[in-house]
Protein backbone atom coordinates (compact mmCIF):
# COMPACT_ATOMS: atom_id res chain seq x y z
CA MET A 1 40.58 9.91 -4.17
CA GLY A 2 39.30 9.72 -7.74
CA ARG A 3 40.07 6.02 -7.93
CA LEU A 4 38.09 5.38 -4.74
CA ILE A 5 35.04 7.19 -6.15
CA LYS A 6 35.35 5.25 -9.41
CA TYR A 7 35.45 1.90 -7.58
CA LEU A 8 32.54 2.95 -5.38
CA PHE A 9 30.56 3.89 -8.50
CA TYR A 10 31.30 0.49 -10.07
CA LEU A 11 30.28 -1.25 -6.85
CA ILE A 12 26.96 0.63 -6.78
CA ILE A 13 26.27 -0.28 -10.43
CA LEU A 14 27.05 -3.96 -9.77
CA ALA A 15 24.84 -3.96 -6.67
CA ALA A 16 21.95 -2.46 -8.65
CA ILE A 17 22.36 -5.04 -11.41
CA GLY A 18 22.48 -7.81 -8.79
CA LEU A 19 19.34 -6.52 -7.08
CA VAL A 20 17.40 -6.34 -10.35
CA GLY A 21 18.66 -9.80 -11.32
CA TYR A 22 17.61 -11.21 -7.95
CA ALA A 23 14.15 -9.66 -8.31
CA TYR A 24 13.66 -11.23 -11.74
CA LEU A 25 15.37 -14.58 -11.15
CA GLY A 26 14.37 -15.10 -7.49
CA PRO A 27 11.09 -16.94 -8.25
CA TRP A 28 13.00 -19.45 -10.38
CA PHE A 29 15.18 -20.30 -7.38
CA GLY A 30 12.31 -20.72 -4.91
CA GLU A 31 12.02 -17.20 -3.48
CA ASP A 32 8.46 -15.94 -3.12
CA PHE A 33 8.08 -12.15 -3.17
CA SER A 34 4.28 -12.05 -3.10
CA PRO A 35 2.59 -10.38 -0.12
CA PRO A 36 0.62 -12.45 2.39
CA LEU A 37 -2.97 -12.98 1.27
CA ALA A 38 -4.58 -12.97 4.72
CA GLU A 39 -6.10 -9.80 6.12
CA ILE A 40 -4.54 -8.75 9.43
CA ARG A 41 -6.47 -6.58 11.85
CA GLN A 42 -4.95 -5.10 14.98
CA PRO A 43 -6.69 -2.82 17.47
CA VAL A 44 -5.22 0.65 17.84
CA THR A 45 -5.60 2.75 20.97
CA LEU A 46 -5.47 6.51 20.38
CA HIS A 47 -4.66 8.76 23.30
CA ALA A 48 -6.37 12.05 22.48
CA ASP A 49 -6.23 14.60 25.26
């Protein structure tokens, strides 16, 4: 059971390192993480009784 927790811990650490690396290196590989620049308006209907 201890070995399973240790491997799970290593997997979580590697996933976190991969996510941070993807966030920093993504723009170099053509990924665009910027939000859309257009304003979006949608009507909302509230049902107040």
